[in-house]
Amino acid sequence: MLVSEYPRAAIEKSRRVTMSSLKSVLLVLLSVPSSAWGASELERGRFLAEANCSGCHAIGPIDASRHPDALPFRRFSERYPKGTLGETLAKGVPLEHPDMPNFLATSSEIDEIVAYIVSVQP
């Protein structure tokens, strides 16, 4: 039987099942700890920074921040004494500027982000 001969309802049901299955697979993949993917702590930290911070902050060693009030990562050591950045992230990032989004991270994600930030300090 050709696909065109299937009733439209059967095709739509098949599509919904496929999308549901895809969503389930994605949820499982997203629940796997990042360390299981074999990336280094710095790579995971950079990925997290790109996903959560790069909309405003310059996260690399030479780029410019997109938000005029967002301190580039490479200058964080000027504002946050050594060893306090992880604690600051764990408490929740203080509102440095009015439109800064709330950012919550797990302890391992905080360690990864801090490791990356430390890596870009001059």
PDB file of N, CA and C in Angstrom:
ATOM      1  N   MET A   1       0.842  -1.162   0.000  1.00  0.00           N
ATOM      2  CA  MET A   1       0.000   0.000   0.000  1.00  0.00           C
ATOM      3  C   MET A   1       0.897   1.239   0.000  1.00  0.00           C
ATOM      4  N   LEU A   2       0.589   2.191  -0.821  1.00  0.00           N
ATOM      5  CA  LEU A   2       1.324   3.447  -0.899  1.00  0.00           C
ATOM      6  C   LEU A   2       0.937   4.357   0.253  1.00  0.00           C
ATOM      7  N   VAL A   3       1.878   5.235   0.649  1.00  0.00           N
ATOM      8  CA  VAL A   3       1.608   6.172   1.729  1.00  0.00           C
ATOM      9  C   VAL A   3       0.400   7.024   1.410  1.00  0.00           C
ATOM     10  N   SER A   4       0.243   7.401   0.153  1.00  0.00           N
ATOM     11  CA  SER A   4      -0.897   8.240  -0.232  1.00  0.00           C
ATOM     12  C   SER A   4      -2.234   7.531  -0.022  1.00  0.00           C
ATOM     13  N   GLU A   5      -2.204   6.203   0.119  1.00  0.00           N
ATOM     14  CA  GLU A   5      -3.423   5.440   0.330  1.00  0.00           C
ATOM     15  C   GLU A   5      -3.804   5.353   1.810  1.00  0.00           C
ATOM     16  N   TYR A   6      -2.874   5.711   2.720  1.00  0.00           N
ATOM     17  CA  TYR A   6      -3.176   5.675   4.147  1.00  0.00           C
ATOM     18  C   TYR A   6      -4.151   6.801   4.479  1.00  0.00           C
ATOM     19  N   PRO A   7      -5.047   6.531   5.375  1.00  0.00           N
ATOM     20  CA  PRO A   7      -5.938   7.613   5.812  1.00  0.00           C
ATOM     21  C   PRO A   7      -5.122   8.702   6.506  1.00  0.00           C
ATOM     22  N   ARG A   8      -5.508   9.937   6.285  1.00  0.00           N
ATOM     23  CA  ARG A   8      -4.790  11.091   6.855  1.00  0.00           C
ATOM     24  C   ARG A   8      -4.657  10.963   8.373  1.00  0.00           C
ATOM     25  N   ALA A   9      -5.656  10.477   9.064  1.00  0.00           N
ATOM     26  CA  ALA A   9      -5.612  10.337  10.521  1.00  0.00           C
ATOM     27  C   ALA A   9      -4.487   9.399  10.953  1.00  0.00           C
ATOM     28  N   ALA A  10      -4.286   8.323  10.217  1.00  0.00           N
ATOM     29  CA  ALA A  10      -3.225   7.370  10.548  1.00  0.00           C
ATOM     30  C   ALA A  10      -1.854   8.013  10.366  1.00  0.00           C
ATOM     31  N   ILE A  11      -1.703   8.806   9.337  1.00  0.00           N
ATOM     32  CA  ILE A  11      -0.425   9.496   9.093  1.00  0.00           C
ATOM     33  C   ILE A  11      -0.161  10.500  10.207  1.00  0.00           C
ATOM     34  N   GLU A  12      -1.172  11.272  10.595  1.00  0.00           N
ATOM     35  CA  GLU A  12      -1.020  12.255  11.669  1.00  0.00           C
ATOM     36  C   GLU A  12      -0.681  11.566  12.991  1.00  0.00           C
ATOM     37  N   LYS A  13      -1.331  10.433  13.283  1.00  0.00           N
ATOM     38  CA  LYS A  13      -1.040   9.698  14.511  1.00  0.00           C
ATOM     39  C   LYS A  13       0.401   9.227  14.509  1.00  0.00           C
ATOM     40  N   SER A  14       0.863   8.727  13.390  1.00  0.00           N
ATOM     41  CA  SER A  14       2.244   8.267  13.264  1.00  0.00           C
ATOM     42  C   SER A  14       3.211   9.424  13.492  1.00  0.00           C
ATOM     43  N   ARG A  15       2.891  10.584  12.954  1.00  0.00           N
ATOM     44  CA  ARG A  15       3.722  11.774  13.130  1.00  0.00           C
ATOM     45  C   ARG A  15       3.788  12.173  14.608  1.00  0.00           C
ATOM     46  N   ARG A  16       2.636  12.147  15.298  1.00  0.00           N
ATOM     47  CA  ARG A  16       2.595  12.506  16.720  1.00  0.00           C
ATOM     48  C   ARG A  16       3.422  11.531  17.547  1.00  0.00           C
ATOM     49  N   VAL A  17       3.330  10.242  17.237  1.00  0.00           N
ATOM     50  CA  VAL A  17       4.106   9.238  17.964  1.00  0.00           C
ATOM     51  C   VAL A  17       5.595   9.476  17.735  1.00  0.00           C
ATOM     52  N   THR A  18       5.969   9.771  16.502  1.00  0.00           N
ATOM     53  CA  THR A  18       7.374  10.027  16.193  1.00  0.00           C
ATOM     54  C   THR A  18       7.886  11.246  16.956  1.00  0.00           C
ATOM     55  N   MET A  19       7.116  12.327  16.978  1.00  0.00           N
ATOM     56  CA  MET A  19       7.526  13.533  17.701  1.00  0.00           C
ATOM     57  C   MET A  19       7.598  13.263  19.198  1.00  0.00           C
ATOM     58  N   SER A  20       6.663  12.504  19.713  1.00  0.00           N
ATOM     59  CA  SER A  20       6.674  12.156  21.133  1.00  0.00           C
ATOM     60  C   SER A  20       7.923  11.339  21.461  1.00  0.00           C
ATOM     61  N   SER A  21       8.259  10.399  20.609  1.00  0.00           N
ATOM     62  CA  SER A  21       9.455   9.583  20.812  1.00  0.00           C
ATOM     63  C   SER A  21      10.713  10.438  20.754  1.00  0.00           C
ATOM     64  N   LEU A  22      10.753  11.350  19.819  1.00  0.00           N
ATOM     65  CA  LEU A  22      11.903  12.241  19.690  1.00  0.00           C
ATOM     66  C   LEU A  22      12.061  13.096  20.943  1.00  0.00           C
ATOM     67  N   LYS A  23      10.966  13.622  21.453  1.00  0.00           N
ATOM     68  CA  LYS A  23      11.018  14.424  22.682  1.00  0.00           C
ATOM     69  C   LYS A  23      11.535  13.584  23.845  1.00  0.00           C
ATOM     70  N   SER A  24      11.097  12.344  23.942  1.00  0.00           N
ATOM     71  CA  SER A  24      11.547  11.463  25.019  1.00  0.00           C
ATOM     72  C   SER A  24      13.045  11.215  24.935  1.00  0.00           C
ATOM     73  N   VAL A  25      13.528  10.963  23.742  1.00  0.00           N
ATOM     74  CA  VAL A  25      14.970  10.737  23.544  1.00  0.00           C
ATOM     75  C   VAL A  25      15.750  11.991  23.924  1.00  0.00           C
ATOM     76  N   LEU A  26      15.280  13.154  23.513  1.00  0.00           N
ATOM     77  CA  LEU A  26      15.965  14.401  23.855  1.00  0.00           C
ATOM     78  C   LEU A  26      15.996  14.630  25.355  1.00  0.00           C
ATOM     79  N   LEU A  27      14.898  14.345  26.045  1.00  0.00           N
ATOM     80  CA  LEU A  27      14.877  14.499  27.499  1.00  0.00           C
ATOM     81  C   LEU A  27      15.892  13.588  28.166  1.00  0.00           C
ATOM     82  N   VAL A  28      16.012  12.363  27.681  1.00  0.00           N
ATOM     83  CA  VAL A  28      17.001  11.441  28.236  1.00  0.00           C
ATOM     84  C   VAL A  28      18.414  11.965  27.991  1.00  0.00           C
ATOM     85  N   LEU A  29      18.678  12.419  26.782  1.00  0.00           N
ATOM     86  CA  LEU A  29      20.012  12.933  26.461  1.00  0.00           C
ATOM     87  C   LEU A  29      20.353  14.156  27.297  1.00  0.00           C
ATOM     88  N   LEU A  30      19.389  15.024  27.515  1.00  0.00           N
ATOM     89  CA  LEU A  30      19.631  16.226  28.305  1.00  0.00           C
ATOM     90  C   LEU A  30      19.833  15.921  29.779  1.00  0.00           C
ATOM     91  N   SER A  31      19.349  14.792  30.249  1.00  0.00           N
ATOM     92  CA  SER A  31      19.498  14.441  31.656  1.00  0.00           C
ATOM     93  C   SER A  31      20.838  13.763  31.950  1.00  0.00           C
ATOM     94  N   VAL A  32      21.574  13.384  30.927  1.00  0.00           N
ATOM     95  CA  VAL A  32      22.875  12.756  31.119  1.00  0.00           C
ATOM     96  C   VAL A  32      23.863  13.820  31.576  1.00  0.00           C
ATOM     97  N   PRO A  33      24.591  13.582  32.654  1.00  0.00           N
ATOM     98  CA  PRO A  33      25.557  14.570  33.129  1.00  0.00           C
ATOM     99  C   PRO A  33      26.553  14.925  32.033  1.00  0.00           C
ATOM    100  N   SER A  34      26.920  16.206  31.998  1.00  0.00           N
ATOM    101  CA  SER A  34      27.830  16.661  30.948  1.00  0.00           C
ATOM    102  C   SER A  34      29.164  15.928  30.984  1.00  0.00           C
ATOM    103  N   SER A  35      29.587  15.481  32.174  1.00  0.00           N
ATOM    104  CA  SER A  35      30.854  14.767  32.268  1.00  0.00           C
ATOM    105  C   SER A  35      30.825  13.452  31.500  1.00  0.00           C
ATOM    106  N   ALA A  36      29.639  12.915  31.284  1.00  0.00           N
ATOM    107  CA  ALA A  36      29.524  11.654  30.564  1.00  0.00           C
ATOM    108  C   ALA A  36      29.816  11.810  29.080  1.00  0.00           C
ATOM    109  N   TRP A  37      29.776  13.003  28.582  1.00  0.00           N
ATOM    110  CA  TRP A  37      30.003  13.227  27.153  1.00  0.00           C
ATOM    111  C   TRP A  37      31.494  13.310  26.816  1.00  0.00           C
ATOM    112  N   GLY A  38      32.363  13.276  27.808  1.00  0.00           N
ATOM    113  CA  GLY A  38      33.794  13.237  27.555  1.00  0.00           C
ATOM    114  C   GLY A  38      34.427  14.595  27.311  1.00  0.00           C
ATOM    115  N   ALA A  39      33.682  15.661  27.420  1.00  0.00           N
ATOM    116  CA  ALA A  39      34.259  16.992  27.227  1.00  0.00           C
ATOM    117  C   ALA A  39      35.009  17.389  28.490  1.00  0.00           C
ATOM    118  N   SER A  40      36.024  18.197  28.320  1.00  0.00           N
ATOM    119  CA  SER A  40      36.783  18.652  29.476  1.00  0.00           C
ATOM    120  C   SER A  40      35.972  19.674  30.263  1.00  0.00           C
ATOM    121  N   GLU A  41      36.390  19.910  31.482  1.00  0.00           N
ATOM    122  CA  GLU A  41      35.712  20.891  32.330  1.00  0.00           C
ATOM    123  C   GLU A  41      35.690  22.265  31.663  1.00  0.00           C
ATOM    124  N   LEU A  42      36.799  22.647  31.037  1.00  0.00           N
ATOM    125  CA  LEU A  42      36.855  23.948  30.352  1.00  0.00           C
ATOM    126  C   LEU A  42      35.907  24.001  29.162  1.00  0.00           C
ATOM    127  N   GLU A  43      35.831  22.919  28.410  1.00  0.00           N
ATOM    128  CA  GLU A  43      34.911  22.876  27.259  1.00  0.00           C
ATOM    129  C   GLU A  43      33.463  22.980  27.717  1.00  0.00           C
ATOM    130  N   ARG A  44      33.132  22.256  28.792  1.00  0.00           N
ATOM    131  CA  ARG A  44      31.771  22.320  29.315  1.00  0.00           C
ATOM    132  C   ARG A  44      31.477  23.718  29.854  1.00  0.00           C
ATOM    133  N   GLY A  45      32.468  24.320  30.520  1.00  0.00           N
ATOM    134  CA  GLY A  45      32.295  25.677  31.038  1.00  0.00           C
ATOM    135  C   GLY A  45      32.094  26.686  29.926  1.00  0.00           C
ATOM    136  N   ARG A  46      32.848  26.545  28.854  1.00  0.00           N
ATOM    137  CA  ARG A  46      32.680  27.452  27.711  1.00  0.00           C
ATOM    138  C   ARG A  46      31.296  27.255  27.074  1.00  0.00           C
ATOM    139  N   PHE A  47      30.875  26.012  26.943  1.00  0.00           N
ATOM    140  CA  PHE A  47      29.550  25.736  26.386  1.00  0.00           C
ATOM    141  C   PHE A  47      28.464  26.394  27.232  1.00  0.00           C
ATOM    142  N   LEU A  48      28.550  26.232  28.554  1.00  0.00           N
ATOM    143  CA  LEU A  48      27.562  26.833  29.452  1.00  0.00           C
ATOM    144  C   LEU A  48      27.594  28.353  29.357  1.00  0.00           C
ATOM    145  N   ALA A  49      28.801  28.927  29.261  1.00  0.00           N
ATOM    146  CA  ALA A  49      28.929  30.382  29.140  1.00  0.00           C
ATOM    147  C   ALA A  49      28.326  30.870  27.827  1.00  0.00           C
ATOM    148  N   GLU A  50      28.584  30.143  26.756  1.00  0.00           N
ATOM    149  CA  GLU A  50      28.001  30.527  25.463  1.00  0.00           C
ATOM    150  C   GLU A  50      26.480  30.478  25.526  1.00  0.00           C
ATOM    151  N   ALA A  51      25.947  29.438  26.151  1.00  0.00           N
ATOM    152  CA  ALA A  51      24.497  29.255  26.201  1.00  0.00           C
ATOM    153  C   ALA A  51      23.800  30.242  27.126  1.00  0.00           C
ATOM    154  N   ASN A  52      24.460  30.638  28.214  1.00  0.00           N
ATOM    155  CA  ASN A  52      23.782  31.423  29.241  1.00  0.00           C
ATOM    156  C   ASN A  52      24.288  32.844  29.430  1.00  0.00           C
ATOM    157  N   CYS A  53      25.489  33.143  28.957  1.00  0.00           N
ATOM    158  CA  CYS A  53      26.104  34.429  29.303  1.00  0.00           C
ATOM    159  C   CYS A  53      26.487  35.285  28.097  1.00  0.00           C
ATOM    160  N   SER A  54      26.743  34.637  26.960  1.00  0.00           N
ATOM    161  CA  SER A  54      27.304  35.363  25.815  1.00  0.00           C
ATOM    162  C   SER A  54      26.335  36.339  25.165  1.00  0.00           C
ATOM    163  N   GLY A  55      25.060  36.281  25.526  1.00  0.00           N
ATOM    164  CA  GLY A  55      24.113  37.260  25.005  1.00  0.00           C
ATOM    165  C   GLY A  55      24.442  38.662  25.471  1.00  0.00           C
ATOM    166  N   CYS A  56      25.136  38.767  26.599  1.00  0.00           N
ATOM    167  CA  CYS A  56      25.519  40.071  27.153  1.00  0.00           C
ATOM    168  C   CYS A  56      27.035  40.197  27.330  1.00  0.00           C
ATOM    169  N   HIS A  57      27.658  39.169  27.926  1.00  0.00           N
ATOM    170  CA  HIS A  57      29.082  39.230  28.268  1.00  0.00           C
ATOM    171  C   HIS A  57      29.982  38.750  27.135  1.00  0.00           C
ATOM    172  N   ALA A  58      31.131  39.404  27.017  1.00  0.00           N
ATOM    173  CA  ALA A  58      32.200  38.860  26.174  1.00  0.00           C
ATOM    174  C   ALA A  58      32.773  37.694  26.968  1.00  0.00           C
ATOM    175  N   ILE A  59      32.763  36.512  26.393  1.00  0.00           N
ATOM    176  CA  ILE A  59      33.243  35.353  27.144  1.00  0.00           C
ATOM    177  C   ILE A  59      34.637  34.911  26.714  1.00  0.00           C
ATOM    178  N   GLY A  60      35.131  35.447  25.628  1.00  0.00           N
ATOM    179  CA  GLY A  60      36.448  35.059  25.128  1.00  0.00           C
ATOM    180  C   GLY A  60      37.531  36.023  25.560  1.00  0.00           C
ATOM    181  N   PRO A  61      38.756  35.766  25.120  1.00  0.00           N
ATOM    182  CA  PRO A  61      39.879  36.597  25.537  1.00  0.00           C
ATOM    183  C   PRO A  61      39.949  37.965  24.850  1.00  0.00           C
ATOM    184  N   ILE A  62      39.241  38.161  23.720  1.00  0.00           N
ATOM    185  CA  ILE A  62      39.368  39.452  23.032  1.00  0.00           C
ATOM    186  C   ILE A  62      38.052  40.037  22.528  1.00  0.00           C
ATOM    187  N   ASP A  63      36.940  39.322  22.653  1.00  0.00           N
ATOM    188  CA  ASP A  63      35.676  39.822  22.105  1.00  0.00           C
ATOM    189  C   ASP A  63      35.095  40.942  22.972  1.00  0.00           C
ATOM    190  N   ALA A  64      34.106  41.645  22.432  1.00  0.00           N
ATOM    191  CA  ALA A  64      33.450  42.744  23.139  1.00  0.00           C
ATOM    192  C   ALA A  64      32.108  42.271  23.682  1.00  0.00           C
ATOM    193  N   SER A  65      31.739  42.788  24.841  1.00  0.00           N
ATOM    194  CA  SER A  65      30.436  42.466  25.418  1.00  0.00           C
ATOM    195  C   SER A  65      29.335  43.099  24.579  1.00  0.00           C
ATOM    196  N   ARG A  66      28.257  42.355  24.408  1.00  0.00           N
ATOM    197  CA  ARG A  66      27.116  42.870  23.644  1.00  0.00           C
ATOM    198  C   ARG A  66      26.337  43.907  24.446  1.00  0.00           C
ATOM    199  N   HIS A  67      26.327  43.753  25.756  1.00  0.00           N
ATOM    200  CA  HIS A  67      25.627  44.700  26.631  1.00  0.00           C
ATOM    201  C   HIS A  67      26.667  45.683  27.172  1.00  0.00           C
ATOM    202  N   PRO A  68      26.401  46.975  27.091  1.00  0.00           N
ATOM    203  CA  PRO A  68      27.413  47.949  27.503  1.00  0.00           C
ATOM    204  C   PRO A  68      27.808  47.863  28.978  1.00  0.00           C
ATOM    205  N   ASP A  69      26.929  47.349  29.839  1.00  0.00           N
ATOM    206  CA  ASP A  69      27.243  47.260  31.264  1.00  0.00           C
ATOM    207  C   ASP A  69      27.752  45.882  31.691  1.00  0.00           C
ATOM    208  N   ALA A  70      27.873  44.967  30.741  1.00  0.00           N
ATOM    209  CA  ALA A  70      28.291  43.600  31.071  1.00  0.00           C
ATOM    210  C   ALA A  70      29.818  43.501  31.027  1.00  0.00           C
ATOM    211  N   LEU A  71      30.388  43.208  32.162  1.00  0.00           N
ATOM    212  CA  LEU A  71      31.834  43.062  32.279  1.00  0.00           C
ATOM    213  C   LEU A  71      32.304  41.850  31.475  1.00  0.00           C
ATOM    214  N   PRO A  72      33.326  42.013  30.630  1.00  0.00           N
ATOM    215  CA  PRO A  72      33.866  40.840  29.917  1.00  0.00           C
ATOM    216  C   PRO A  72      34.408  39.810  30.914  1.00  0.00           C
ATOM    217  N   PHE A  73      34.243  38.549  30.612  1.00  0.00           N
ATOM    218  CA  PHE A  73      34.738  37.487  31.492  1.00  0.00           C
ATOM    219  C   PHE A  73      36.213  37.688  31.828  1.00  0.00           C
ATOM    220  N   ARG A  74      37.014  38.135  30.872  1.00  0.00           N
ATOM    221  CA  ARG A  74      38.459  38.276  31.098  1.00  0.00           C
ATOM    222  C   ARG A  74      38.788  39.324  32.151  1.00  0.00           C
ATOM    223  N   ARG A  75      37.803  40.135  32.541  1.00  0.00           N
ATOM    224  CA  ARG A  75      38.019  41.164  33.557  1.00  0.00           C
ATOM    225  C   ARG A  75      37.337  40.841  34.885  1.00  0.00           C
ATOM    226  N   PHE A  76      36.770  39.655  34.999  1.00  0.00           N
ATOM    227  CA  PHE A  76      36.067  39.300  36.235  1.00  0.00           C
ATOM    228  C   PHE A  76      36.993  39.334  37.448  1.00  0.00           C
ATOM    229  N   SER A  77      38.269  39.021  37.280  1.00  0.00           N
ATOM    230  CA  SER A  77      39.189  39.010  38.422  1.00  0.00           C
ATOM    231  C   SER A  77      39.358  40.409  39.017  1.00  0.00           C
ATOM    232  N   GLU A  78      39.015  41.447  38.255  1.00  0.00           N
ATOM    233  CA  GLU A  78      39.073  42.815  38.776  1.00  0.00           C
ATOM    234  C   GLU A  78      37.943  43.063  39.784  1.00  0.00           C
ATOM    235  N   ARG A  79      36.825  42.402  39.594  1.00  0.00           N
ATOM    236  CA  ARG A  79      35.654  42.630  40.441  1.00  0.00           C
ATOM    237  C   ARG A  79      35.464  41.551  41.496  1.00  0.00           C
ATOM    238  N   TYR A  80      35.819  40.321  41.167  1.00  0.00           N
ATOM    239  CA  TYR A  80      35.589  39.207  42.076  1.00  0.00           C
ATOM    240  C   TYR A  80      36.933  38.646  42.529  1.00  0.00           C
ATOM    241  N   PRO A  81      37.249  38.778  43.822  1.00  0.00           N
ATOM    242  CA  PRO A  81      38.526  38.238  44.314  1.00  0.00           C
ATOM    243  C   PRO A  81      38.619  36.737  44.059  1.00  0.00           C
ATOM    244  N   LYS A  82      39.842  36.266  43.921  1.00  0.00           N
ATOM    245  CA  LYS A  82      40.084  34.849  43.643  1.00  0.00           C
ATOM    246  C   LYS A  82      39.345  33.977  44.663  1.00  0.00           C
ATOM    247  N   GLY A  83      38.646  32.996  44.160  1.00  0.00           N
ATOM    248  CA  GLY A  83      37.957  32.057  45.023  1.00  0.00           C
ATOM    249  C   GLY A  83      36.533  32.442  45.397  1.00  0.00           C
ATOM    250  N   THR A  84      36.073  33.650  45.035  1.00  0.00           N
ATOM    251  CA  THR A  84      34.718  34.059  45.423  1.00  0.00           C
ATOM    252  C   THR A  84      33.704  33.930  44.296  1.00  0.00           C
ATOM    253  N   LEU A  85      34.168  33.738  43.084  1.00  0.00           N
ATOM    254  CA  LEU A  85      33.246  33.702  41.950  1.00  0.00           C
ATOM    255  C   LEU A  85      32.280  32.519  42.036  1.00  0.00           C
ATOM    256  N   GLY A  86      32.772  31.361  42.412  1.00  0.00           N
ATOM    257  CA  GLY A  86      31.908  30.192  42.550  1.00  0.00           C
ATOM    258  C   GLY A  86      30.833  30.417  43.593  1.00  0.00           C
ATOM    259  N   GLU A  87      31.207  31.025  44.700  1.00  0.00           N
ATOM    260  CA  GLU A  87      30.242  31.332  45.756  1.00  0.00           C
ATOM    261  C   GLU A  87      29.197  32.333  45.257  1.00  0.00           C
ATOM    262  N   THR A  88      29.637  33.319  44.498  1.00  0.00           N
ATOM    263  CA  THR A  88      28.719  34.310  43.934  1.00  0.00           C
ATOM    264  C   THR A  88      27.720  33.638  43.000  1.00  0.00           C
ATOM    265  N   LEU A  89      28.210  32.754  42.135  1.00  0.00           N
ATOM    266  CA  LEU A  89      27.312  32.038  41.219  1.00  0.00           C
ATOM    267  C   LEU A  89      26.353  31.117  41.982  1.00  0.00           C
ATOM    268  N   ALA A  90      26.840  30.488  43.049  1.00  0.00           N
ATOM    269  CA  ALA A  90      26.005  29.570  43.824  1.00  0.00           C
ATOM    270  C   ALA A  90      24.862  30.307  44.517  1.00  0.00           C
ATOM    271  N   LYS A  91      25.118  31.528  44.956  1.00  0.00           N
ATOM    272  CA  LYS A  91      24.077  32.314  45.620  1.00  0.00           C
ATOM    273  C   LYS A  91      23.075  32.868  44.629  1.00  0.00           C
ATOM    274  N   GLY A  92      23.454  32.885  43.372  1.00  0.00           N
ATOM    275  CA  GLY A  92      22.639  33.532  42.348  1.00  0.00           C
ATOM    276  C   GLY A  92      23.363  34.797  41.956  1.00  0.00           C
ATOM    277  N   VAL A  93      23.512  34.995  40.695  1.00  0.00           N
ATOM    278  CA  VAL A  93      24.271  36.141  40.213  1.00  0.00           C
ATOM    279  C   VAL A  93      23.584  37.426  40.678  1.00  0.00           C
ATOM    280  N   PRO A  94      24.354  38.315  41.312  1.00  0.00           N
ATOM    281  CA  PRO A  94      23.751  39.584  41.727  1.00  0.00           C
ATOM    282  C   PRO A  94      23.333  40.394  40.507  1.00  0.00           C
ATOM    283  N   LEU A  95      22.350  41.230  40.678  1.00  0.00           N
ATOM    284  CA  LEU A  95      21.857  42.030  39.558  1.00  0.00           C
ATOM    285  C   LEU A  95      22.799  43.205  39.315  1.00  0.00           C
ATOM    286  N   GLU A  96      23.744  42.993  38.429  1.00  0.00           N
ATOM    287  CA  GLU A  96      24.722  44.027  38.096  1.00  0.00           C
ATOM    288  C   GLU A  96      24.110  45.106  37.216  1.00  0.00           C
ATOM    289  N   HIS A  97      23.129  44.746  36.446  1.00  0.00           N
ATOM    290  CA  HIS A  97      22.381  45.710  35.641  1.00  0.00           C
ATOM    291  C   HIS A  97      20.934  45.255  35.591  1.00  0.00           C
ATOM    292  N   PRO A  98      20.010  46.172  35.396  1.00  0.00           N
ATOM    293  CA  PRO A  98      18.587  45.859  35.556  1.00  0.00           C
ATOM    294  C   PRO A  98      18.055  44.718  34.689  1.00  0.00           C
ATOM    295  N   ASP A  99      18.596  44.517  33.516  1.00  0.00           N
ATOM    296  CA  ASP A  99      18.037  43.492  32.637  1.00  0.00           C
ATOM    297  C   ASP A  99      18.806  42.179  32.662  1.00  0.00           C
ATOM    298  N   MET A 100      19.623  41.980  33.692  1.00  0.00           N
ATOM    299  CA  MET A 100      20.366  40.730  33.803  1.00  0.00           C
ATOM    300  C   MET A 100      19.416  39.609  34.217  1.00  0.00           C
ATOM    301  N   PRO A 101      19.399  38.516  33.442  1.00  0.00           N
ATOM    302  CA  PRO A 101      18.475  37.415  33.780  1.00  0.00           C
ATOM    303  C   PRO A 101      18.940  36.656  35.015  1.00  0.00           C
ATOM    304  N   ASN A 102      18.004  36.008  35.679  1.00  0.00           N
ATOM    305  CA  ASN A 102      18.331  35.161  36.812  1.00  0.00           C
ATOM    306  C   ASN A 102      18.990  33.899  36.261  1.00  0.00           C
ATOM    307  N   PHE A 103      20.076  33.470  36.852  1.00  0.00           N
ATOM    308  CA  PHE A 103      20.811  32.311  36.359  1.00  0.00           C
ATOM    309  C   PHE A 103      21.043  31.341  37.503  1.00  0.00           C
ATOM    310  N   LEU A 104      20.537  30.143  37.381  1.00  0.00           N
ATOM    311  CA  LEU A 104      20.726  29.103  38.382  1.00  0.00           C
ATOM    312  C   LEU A 104      21.507  27.963  37.754  1.00  0.00           C
ATOM    313  N   ALA A 105      22.481  27.448  38.470  1.00  0.00           N
ATOM    314  CA  ALA A 105      23.307  26.360  37.940  1.00  0.00           C
ATOM    315  C   ALA A 105      23.573  25.350  39.048  1.00  0.00           C
ATOM    316  N   THR A 106      23.841  24.122  38.647  1.00  0.00           N
ATOM    317  CA  THR A 106      24.212  23.090  39.617  1.00  0.00           C
ATOM    318  C   THR A 106      25.629  23.357  40.098  1.00  0.00           C
ATOM    319  N   SER A 107      26.036  22.695  41.159  1.00  0.00           N
ATOM    320  CA  SER A 107      27.392  22.906  41.675  1.00  0.00           C
ATOM    321  C   SER A 107      28.444  22.490  40.653  1.00  0.00           C
ATOM    322  N   SER A 108      28.208  21.418  39.910  1.00  0.00           N
ATOM    323  CA  SER A 108      29.199  21.008  38.902  1.00  0.00           C
ATOM    324  C   SER A 108      29.233  22.011  37.750  1.00  0.00           C
ATOM    325  N   GLU A 109      28.081  22.554  37.372  1.00  0.00           N
ATOM    326  CA  GLU A 109      28.064  23.576  36.315  1.00  0.00           C
ATOM    327  C   GLU A 109      28.782  24.834  36.771  1.00  0.00           C
ATOM    328  N   ILE A 110      28.618  25.205  38.035  1.00  0.00           N
ATOM    329  CA  ILE A 110      29.323  26.370  38.576  1.00  0.00           C
ATOM    330  C   ILE A 110      30.823  26.134  38.505  1.00  0.00           C
ATOM    331  N   ASP A 111      31.266  24.955  38.916  1.00  0.00           N
ATOM    332  CA  ASP A 111      32.702  24.634  38.846  1.00  0.00           C
ATOM    333  C   ASP A 111      33.215  24.734  37.415  1.00  0.00           C
ATOM    334  N   GLU A 112      32.430  24.255  36.462  1.00  0.00           N
ATOM    335  CA  GLU A 112      32.837  24.288  35.054  1.00  0.00           C
ATOM    336  C   GLU A 112      32.893  25.721  34.532  1.00  0.00           C
ATOM    337  N   ILE A 113      31.913  26.531  34.871  1.00  0.00           N
ATOM    338  CA  ILE A 113      31.908  27.928  34.426  1.00  0.00           C
ATOM    339  C   ILE A 113      33.066  28.685  35.048  1.00  0.00           C
ATOM    340  N   VAL A 114      33.289  28.488  36.332  1.00  0.00           N
ATOM    341  CA  VAL A 114      34.409  29.169  37.017  1.00  0.00           C
ATOM    342  C   VAL A 114      35.737  28.742  36.398  1.00  0.00           C
ATOM    343  N   ALA A 115      35.896  27.457  36.125  1.00  0.00           N
ATOM    344  CA  ALA A 115      37.145  26.988  35.494  1.00  0.00           C
ATOM    345  C   ALA A 115      37.351  27.695  34.154  1.00  0.00           C
ATOM    346  N   TYR A 116      36.286  27.853  33.397  1.00  0.00           N
ATOM    347  CA  TYR A 116      36.418  28.541  32.112  1.00  0.00           C
ATOM    348  C   TYR A 116      36.751  30.014  32.319  1.00  0.00           C
ATOM    349  N   ILE A 117      36.053  30.683  33.254  1.00  0.00           N
ATOM    350  CA  ILE A 117      36.314  32.100  33.487  1.00  0.00           C
ATOM    351  C   ILE A 117      37.770  32.302  33.919  1.00  0.00           C
ATOM    352  N   VAL A 118      38.255  31.455  34.815  1.00  0.00           N
ATOM    353  CA  VAL A 118      39.643  31.548  35.256  1.00  0.00           C
ATOM    354  C   VAL A 118      40.604  31.380  34.072  1.00  0.00           C
ATOM    355  N   SER A 119      40.229  30.523  33.127  1.00  0.00           N
ATOM    356  CA  SER A 119      41.109  30.266  31.980  1.00  0.00           C
ATOM    357  C   SER A 119      41.260  31.466  31.052  1.00  0.00           C
ATOM    358  N   VAL A 120      40.326  32.421  31.083  1.00  0.00           N
ATOM    359  CA  VAL A 120      40.421  33.570  30.180  1.00  0.00           C
ATOM    360  C   VAL A 120      40.941  34.824  30.885  1.00  0.00           C
ATOM    361  N   GLN A 121      41.313  34.705  32.168  1.00  0.00           N
ATOM    362  CA  GLN A 121      41.888  35.858  32.854  1.00  0.00           C
ATOM    363  C   GLN A 121      43.297  36.121  32.329  1.00  0.00           C
ATOM    364  N   PRO A 122      43.669  37.398  32.203  1.00  0.00           N
ATOM    365  CA  PRO A 122      45.022  37.703  31.694  1.00  0.00           C
ATOM    366  C   PRO A 122      46.103  37.276  32.671  1.00  0.00           C
TER     367      PRO A 122
END
